[in-house]
């Protein structure tokens, strides 16, 4: 007997089976329960979907030609995905044999064929609860906002930063040079972790961080330490959870977003591709947002002036490939800036102040 309560909070399930009849039966059962379903007819197709899409629960047949279900599970566990994928293997093989081989591959659960629909539903509910416990997205952004709260002038800086970083990463994903490095999971991870770039500022004394003016050389040396504070804080988390790829990503961003392409940045003076790609992406996003945001010691620069500074820094401050990506999406960057600034004004003022629209296309890469 199937429990016909529609579970609208259920995470999408990827069904993997080379038998169209079995695949159709599984799909019909889950769709009748209101559970969103994706399907793949073999392990290779499934692996590509997992790497390119936001899939968190997989129900796979064990025995398939080519890549078996257990091999698919093994491949998924070997890949540093941004989030955990809960894996259930459907099998008619000997239970004890399955448990040993499947557990070694990293499977979370097993269901025997022929399956009982009610048991399947209960096991998927359990999987969904476990996946739902992974509230890291909210926690990460809350930590970033906590750090930002010590520097209230920045407004919607984190929101703009992650949007710019996502946009630049998406562009690189479409370039042949980065096709094997930047995929959908990379884009999601940089969107998730870029707000932690300045988390190390929690360790900077107030008389430096909140100084109403430009820093002295001595004070700037203190401020530069935020990259190392951020690195060591996140590196401690990595040591506690070494399998969490997103923590390594966040650590690398915190440590490297002030490095420069020509080696003149800090804290380590890394040069060119010695700098992690995620740090090079965030560097462009961070500088553009800093330039176009008012501070106590400066007015906000115009979009045109910010573009001129970024173009001038190509090959010295910034990775030229990322600068080119920036200018390919100039209009979208302006739109993000305007949209999030308008939302901030609307939320903070009794009446909506008229926004100042900056025309896009005024400093394209061709100029």
Protein backbone atom coordinates (compact mmCIF):
# COMPACT_ATOMS: atom_id res chain seq x y z
CA UNK A 1 0.00 0.00 0.00
CA UNK A 2 1.42 3.40 -1.02
CA UNK A 3 1.12 6.31 1.38
CA UNK A 4 -0.44 9.00 -0.82
CA UNK A 5 0.64 12.12 1.03
CA UNK A 6 2.30 14.61 -1.28
CA UNK A 7 5.73 15.50 0.02
CA UNK A 8 6.42 18.95 -1.38
CA UNK A 9 9.64 19.37 0.62
CA UNK A 10 11.28 16.27 -0.87
CA UNK A 11 14.60 16.92 -2.58
CA UNK A 12 14.79 15.88 -6.26
CA UNK A 13 15.61 12.21 -6.77
CA UNK A 14 17.84 11.01 -9.60
CA UNK A 15 16.70 7.55 -10.74
CA UNK A 16 19.32 5.48 -12.58
CA UNK A 17 18.44 2.21 -14.35
CA UNK A 18 19.25 0.76 -17.79
CA UNK A 19 15.89 -1.07 -17.87
CA UNK A 20 13.22 1.33 -19.24
CA UNK A 21 10.42 -0.66 -17.61
CA UNK A 22 11.98 -0.51 -14.14
CA UNK A 23 12.87 3.15 -14.60
CA UNK A 24 9.30 3.93 -15.61
CA UNK A 25 7.87 2.04 -12.65
CA UNK A 26 10.10 3.89 -10.18
CA UNK A 27 9.26 7.22 -11.78
CA UNK A 28 5.51 6.54 -11.63
CA UNK A 29 5.64 5.56 -7.96
CA UNK A 30 7.61 8.64 -6.90
CA UNK A 31 5.65 11.07 -9.04
CA UNK A 32 2.44 9.71 -7.51
CA UNK A 33 3.87 10.72 -4.14
CA UNK A 34 4.62 14.24 -5.37
CA UNK A 35 8.38 13.69 -5.35
CA UNK A 36 10.31 15.49 -8.14
CA UNK A 37 12.21 13.03 -10.33
CA UNK A 38 15.08 13.08 -12.80
CA UNK A 39 16.13 9.98 -14.74
CA UNK A 40 19.30 8.56 -16.30
CA UNK A 41 19.60 5.35 -18.31
CA UNK A 42 23.22 4.53 -17.42
CA UNK A 43 25.99 5.38 -14.97
CA UNK A 44 27.87 7.74 -17.27
CA UNK A 45 24.79 9.86 -17.94
CA UNK A 46 24.02 9.90 -14.22
CA UNK A 47 27.54 11.00 -13.27
CA UNK A 48 27.37 13.90 -15.69
CA UNK A 49 23.99 14.97 -14.31
CA UNK A 50 25.28 14.83 -10.73
CA UNK A 51 28.32 16.95 -11.61
CA UNK A 52 26.35 19.51 -13.59
CA UNK A 53 23.11 19.70 -11.60
CA UNK A 54 21.95 20.28 -8.04
CA UNK A 55 21.25 16.61 -7.21
CA UNK A 56 21.41 15.47 -3.61
CA UNK A 57 19.68 12.04 -3.60
CA UNK A 58 20.38 9.18 -6.05
CA UNK A 59 18.49 5.88 -6.33
CA UNK A 60 20.46 3.63 -8.65
CA UNK A 61 20.19 0.06 -9.85
CA UNK A 62 23.23 -1.98 -8.85
CA UNK A 63 23.66 -4.04 -12.04
CA UNK A 64 24.02 -1.98 -15.21
CA UNK A 65 26.23 -2.46 -18.28
CA UNK A 66 29.25 -0.23 -18.45
CA UNK A 67 29.31 1.69 -15.19
CA UNK A 68 27.48 -0.20 -12.46
CA UNK A 69 25.58 1.45 -9.65
CA UNK A 70 28.34 0.72 -7.14
CA UNK A 71 30.96 2.16 -9.50
CA UNK A 72 28.81 5.27 -9.99
CA UNK A 73 28.67 5.65 -6.22
CA UNK A 74 32.44 5.25 -5.99
CA UNK A 75 33.01 7.90 -8.68
CA UNK A 76 30.69 10.35 -6.93
CA UNK A 77 32.52 9.89 -3.64
CA UNK A 78 35.86 10.54 -5.36
CA UNK A 79 34.68 13.88 -6.75
CA UNK A 80 34.92 17.01 -4.52
CA UNK A 81 31.30 18.13 -4.95
CA UNK A 82 30.00 21.19 -3.10
CA UNK A 83 27.38 19.17 -1.20
CA UNK A 84 26.79 15.63 0.01
CA UNK A 85 24.98 13.21 -2.33
CA UNK A 86 22.90 10.57 -0.54
CA UNK A 87 23.20 7.26 -2.42
CA UNK A 88 20.71 4.35 -2.35
CA UNK A 89 21.43 1.16 -4.29
CA UNK A 90 18.58 -0.99 -5.59
CA UNK A 91 19.62 -4.62 -5.92
CA UNK A 92 18.52 -8.22 -6.23
CA UNK A 93 21.94 -9.61 -5.32
CA UNK A 94 22.93 -11.32 -2.09
CA UNK A 95 22.35 -8.90 0.76
CA UNK A 96 25.61 -9.55 2.63
CA UNK A 97 27.69 -9.23 -0.53
CA UNK A 98 25.94 -5.95 -1.35
CA UNK A 99 26.44 -4.47 2.08
CA UNK A 100 30.20 -5.01 2.05
CA UNK A 101 30.81 -3.88 -1.55
CA UNK A 102 28.31 -1.04 -1.43
CA UNK A 103 29.52 0.35 1.89
CA UNK A 104 33.08 0.32 0.62
CA UNK A 105 31.93 2.38 -2.36
CA UNK A 106 30.21 4.87 -0.06
CA UNK A 107 26.53 3.87 -0.40
CA UNK A 108 24.20 5.14 2.32
CA UNK A 109 21.34 2.66 2.00
CA UNK A 110 20.11 -0.42 0.09
CA UNK A 111 16.69 -1.54 -1.17
CA UNK A 112 15.98 -5.07 -2.37
CA UNK A 113 14.20 -5.95 -5.59
CA UNK A 114 11.33 -6.29 -6.00
CA UNK A 115 10.86 -3.13 -3.95
CA UNK A 116 7.93 -2.34 -1.71
CA UNK A 117 6.58 1.17 -2.56
CA UNK A 118 5.83 2.03 1.06
CA UNK A 119 9.32 1.00 2.20
CA UNK A 120 10.83 2.98 -0.68
CA UNK A 121 8.89 6.07 0.36
CA UNK A 122 9.98 5.80 3.99
CA UNK A 123 13.63 5.34 3.04
CA UNK A 124 13.49 8.35 0.73
CA UNK A 125 11.92 10.42 3.50
CA UNK A 126 14.86 9.49 5.71
CA UNK A 127 17.30 10.44 2.94
CA UNK A 128 15.58 13.78 2.50
CA UNK A 129 15.74 14.55 6.23
CA UNK A 130 19.46 13.82 6.26
CA UNK A 131 20.10 15.98 3.19
CA UNK A 132 17.96 18.77 4.67
CA UNK A 133 20.18 18.85 7.76
CA UNK A 134 22.90 20.23 5.54
CA UNK A 135 21.98 23.84 6.15
CA UNK A 136 25.49 25.04 5.40
CA UNK A 137 24.37 27.61 2.83
CA UNK A 138 22.44 29.57 5.42
CA UNK A 139 25.11 29.11 8.09
CA UNK A 140 27.92 30.25 5.80
CA UNK A 141 26.12 33.40 4.76
CA UNK A 142 25.16 34.12 8.38
CA UNK A 143 28.83 33.87 9.41
CA UNK A 144 29.82 36.17 6.57
CA UNK A 145 27.17 38.71 7.57
CA UNK A 146 28.39 38.52 11.16
CA UNK A 147 31.89 39.45 10.03
CA UNK A 148 30.50 42.20 7.80
CA UNK A 149 28.49 43.65 10.69
CA UNK A 150 31.72 45.07 12.12
CA UNK A 151 32.04 47.20 8.96
CA UNK A 152 28.48 48.47 8.38
CA UNK A 153 29.39 50.86 5.55
CA UNK A 154 29.54 48.04 3.00
CA UNK A 155 25.77 47.72 2.58
CA UNK A 156 24.86 44.85 0.28
CA UNK A 157 28.52 44.07 -0.41
CA UNK A 158 28.22 40.32 0.18
CA UNK A 159 25.11 40.00 -1.96
CA UNK A 160 26.74 41.87 -4.84
CA UNK A 161 30.04 40.02 -4.43
CA UNK A 162 28.57 36.56 -4.74
CA UNK A 163 26.51 37.57 -7.77
CA UNK A 164 29.55 39.04 -9.55
CA UNK A 165 31.63 35.97 -8.67
CA UNK A 166 28.93 33.61 -9.94
CA UNK A 167 28.66 35.54 -13.20
CA UNK A 168 32.41 35.49 -13.83
CA UNK A 169 32.64 31.76 -13.04
CA UNK A 170 29.75 30.99 -15.38
CA UNK A 171 31.59 32.79 -18.17
CA UNK A 172 34.79 30.82 -17.57
CA UNK A 173 32.78 27.58 -17.64
CA UNK A 174 31.91 28.36 -21.26
CA UNK A 175 35.56 28.88 -22.27
CA UNK A 176 37.50 25.80 -23.56
CA UNK A 177 40.51 26.67 -21.41
CA UNK A 178 38.48 26.20 -18.22
CA UNK A 179 36.06 23.48 -19.35
CA UNK A 180 37.75 20.83 -17.18
CA UNK A 181 38.00 23.12 -14.14
CA UNK A 182 34.84 25.19 -13.90
CA UNK A 183 31.56 23.29 -14.02
CA UNK A 184 28.12 23.86 -12.50
CA UNK A 185 29.31 22.60 -9.12
CA UNK A 186 32.24 25.05 -9.17
CA UNK A 187 29.86 27.91 -9.96
CA UNK A 188 27.55 26.95 -7.07
CA UNK A 189 30.50 26.67 -4.69
CA UNK A 190 31.98 30.08 -5.50
CA UNK A 191 28.53 31.63 -5.08
CA UNK A 192 28.24 29.90 -1.71
CA UNK A 193 31.71 30.65 -0.35
CA UNK A 194 32.75 34.03 -1.83
CA UNK A 195 30.92 35.91 0.97
CA UNK A 196 33.50 34.47 3.40
CA UNK A 197 36.38 36.28 1.67
CA UNK A 198 36.74 38.85 4.46
CA UNK A 199 35.77 36.69 7.44
CA UNK A 200 39.26 37.30 8.86
CA UNK A 201 38.30 40.91 9.59
CA UNK A 202 36.73 39.69 12.82
CA UNK A 203 40.32 39.51 14.09
CA UNK A 204 41.26 43.10 13.16
CA UNK A 205 41.19 45.67 16.01
CA UNK A 206 38.42 48.27 15.87
CA UNK A 207 40.86 51.20 15.79
CA UNK A 208 42.10 49.89 12.43
CA UNK A 209 38.98 48.33 10.94
CA UNK A 210 36.67 51.23 11.84
CA UNK A 211 39.12 54.10 11.38
CA UNK A 212 37.26 57.02 9.72
CA UNK A 213 39.95 57.71 7.15
CA UNK A 214 42.87 56.23 5.27
CA UNK A 215 45.15 53.84 7.09
CA UNK A 216 48.77 54.57 7.91
CA UNK A 217 51.35 52.11 6.53
CA UNK A 218 51.56 50.49 9.97
CA UNK A 219 47.77 50.17 10.18
CA UNK A 220 47.60 48.74 6.69
CA UNK A 221 50.02 45.99 7.70
CA UNK A 222 47.62 45.09 10.50
CA UNK A 223 44.67 45.14 8.09
CA UNK A 224 46.47 42.80 5.70
CA UNK A 225 46.47 40.16 8.42
CA UNK A 226 42.75 39.53 7.81
CA UNK A 227 43.72 37.21 4.94
CA UNK A 228 45.77 35.03 7.28
CA UNK A 229 43.19 35.15 10.07
CA UNK A 230 40.58 33.98 7.56
CA UNK A 231 42.87 31.27 6.22
CA UNK A 232 43.72 29.84 9.65
CA UNK A 233 40.10 29.97 10.82
CA UNK A 234 38.80 28.08 7.79
CA UNK A 235 41.81 25.76 7.67
CA UNK A 236 40.94 24.60 11.18
CA UNK A 237 37.46 23.75 9.89
CA UNK A 238 39.02 21.87 6.94
CA UNK A 239 41.08 19.77 9.33
CA UNK A 240 37.92 18.85 11.20
CA UNK A 241 36.04 17.99 7.99
CA UNK A 242 38.66 17.21 5.31
CA UNK A 243 36.01 15.81 2.95
CA UNK A 244 34.15 19.16 2.79
CA UNK A 245 35.34 20.65 -0.50
CA UNK A 246 33.45 23.90 0.06
CA UNK A 247 35.54 24.62 3.20
CA UNK A 248 38.77 24.26 1.22
CA UNK A 249 37.29 26.56 -1.41
CA UNK A 250 36.37 29.18 1.21
CA UNK A 251 39.82 28.90 2.82
CA UNK A 252 41.58 29.49 -0.51
CA UNK A 253 39.41 32.53 -1.27
CA UNK A 254 40.04 34.08 2.15
CA UNK A 255 43.79 33.60 1.76
CA UNK A 256 44.26 34.65 -1.85
CA UNK A 257 41.74 37.31 -2.89
CA UNK A 258 44.35 40.08 -2.32
CA UNK A 259 47.09 38.34 -4.28
CA UNK A 260 47.97 40.00 -7.60
CA UNK A 261 48.71 38.51 -11.00
CA UNK A 262 52.19 40.10 -11.09
CA UNK A 263 53.14 38.79 -7.63
CA UNK A 264 52.89 42.14 -5.81
CA UNK A 265 49.88 41.19 -3.67
CA UNK A 266 49.58 39.74 -0.19
CA UNK A 267 49.88 37.75 2.04
CA UNK A 268 52.28 35.43 0.14
CA UNK A 269 53.15 37.29 -3.05
CA UNK A 270 51.76 34.53 -5.27
CA UNK A 271 52.02 35.14 -9.00
CA UNK A 272 49.89 34.21 -12.03
CA UNK A 273 48.33 30.77 -11.85
CA UNK A 274 49.98 30.14 -8.49
CA UNK A 275 46.96 32.05 -7.18
CA UNK A 276 43.91 29.77 -6.86
CA UNK A 277 41.40 30.46 -9.61
CA UNK A 278 38.66 31.12 -7.06
CA UNK A 279 40.82 33.84 -5.50
CA UNK A 280 41.48 35.43 -8.90
CA UNK A 281 37.75 35.53 -9.65
CA UNK A 282 36.85 37.03 -6.29
CA UNK A 283 39.63 39.63 -6.63
CA UNK A 284 37.94 41.21 -9.65
CA UNK A 285 34.49 41.05 -8.04
CA UNK A 286 35.77 42.52 -4.76
CA UNK A 287 37.68 45.41 -6.32
CA UNK A 288 34.83 46.40 -8.61
CA UNK A 289 32.43 46.48 -5.67
CA UNK A 290 34.89 48.40 -3.47
CA UNK A 291 35.44 50.99 -6.21
CA UNK A 292 31.73 51.56 -6.81
CA UNK A 293 30.85 51.78 -3.09
CA UNK A 294 31.20 54.91 -0.94
CA UNK A 295 33.51 54.86 2.07
CA UNK A 296 34.17 57.45 4.77
CA UNK A 297 37.42 58.32 2.98
CA UNK A 298 36.06 58.34 -0.59
CA UNK A 299 32.96 58.74 -2.70
CA UNK A 300 31.73 55.88 -4.85
CA UNK A 301 33.53 55.81 -8.18
CA UNK A 302 31.47 55.81 -11.35
CA UNK A 303 31.05 52.59 -13.29
CA UNK A 304 33.21 54.08 -16.02
CA UNK A 305 36.08 54.93 -13.67
CA UNK A 306 35.91 51.50 -12.02
CA UNK A 307 36.05 49.84 -15.43
CA UNK A 308 39.08 51.91 -16.40
CA UNK A 309 40.90 50.83 -13.23
CA UNK A 310 40.07 47.16 -13.81
CA UNK A 311 41.18 47.34 -17.44
CA UNK A 312 44.42 49.04 -16.42
CA UNK A 313 45.03 46.28 -13.87
CA UNK A 314 44.70 43.45 -16.38
CA UNK A 315 47.95 41.49 -16.39
CA UNK A 316 49.28 43.25 -13.29
CA UNK A 317 46.62 43.17 -10.57
CA UNK A 318 44.14 40.85 -12.29
CA UNK A 319 44.11 37.66 -14.35
CA UNK A 320 43.54 38.89 -17.95
CA UNK A 321 41.10 36.03 -18.64
CA UNK A 322 38.85 37.16 -15.79
CA UNK A 323 39.04 40.78 -16.86
CA UNK A 324 37.84 39.72 -20.31
CA UNK A 325 35.00 37.77 -18.68
CA UNK A 326 34.10 40.91 -16.70
CA UNK A 327 33.75 43.02 -19.81
CA UNK A 328 31.78 40.35 -21.67
CA UNK A 329 29.14 40.70 -18.95
CA UNK A 330 29.36 44.41 -18.22
CA UNK A 331 25.67 45.07 -18.71
CA UNK A 332 24.70 42.24 -16.34
CA UNK A 333 27.16 43.52 -13.72
CA UNK A 334 25.62 46.99 -13.89
CA UNK A 335 22.16 45.46 -13.54
CA UNK A 336 23.22 43.45 -10.46
CA UNK A 337 24.71 46.55 -8.88
CA UNK A 338 21.61 48.62 -9.54
CA UNK A 339 19.14 45.92 -8.50
CA UNK A 340 20.80 45.16 -5.17
CA UNK A 341 21.42 48.82 -4.35
CA UNK A 342 17.78 49.61 -5.10
CA UNK A 343 16.70 46.76 -2.82
CA UNK A 344 18.96 48.07 -0.05
CA UNK A 345 17.58 51.59 -0.37
CA UNK A 346 14.00 50.32 -0.35
CA UNK A 347 14.64 48.27 2.80
CA UNK A 348 16.38 51.08 4.70
CA UNK A 349 14.48 54.26 3.76
CA UNK A 350 10.91 55.36 4.53
CA UNK A 351 10.43 56.17 0.86
CA UNK A 352 12.23 54.77 -2.15
CA UNK A 353 14.92 57.19 -3.23
CA UNK A 354 15.21 57.57 -7.00
CA UNK A 355 18.01 55.36 -8.27
CA UNK A 356 20.75 56.65 -10.53
CA UNK A 357 20.92 54.43 -13.57
CA UNK A 358 24.36 53.95 -15.09
CA UNK A 359 24.15 53.19 -18.80
CA UNK A 360 25.65 49.83 -19.72
CA UNK A 361 28.13 49.40 -22.52
CA UNK A 362 30.05 52.58 -21.75
CA UNK A 363 33.40 50.88 -21.22
CA UNK A 364 33.30 47.67 -23.21
CA UNK A 365 36.42 45.65 -23.82
CA UNK A 366 36.60 47.02 -27.35
CA UNK A 367 37.04 50.65 -26.15
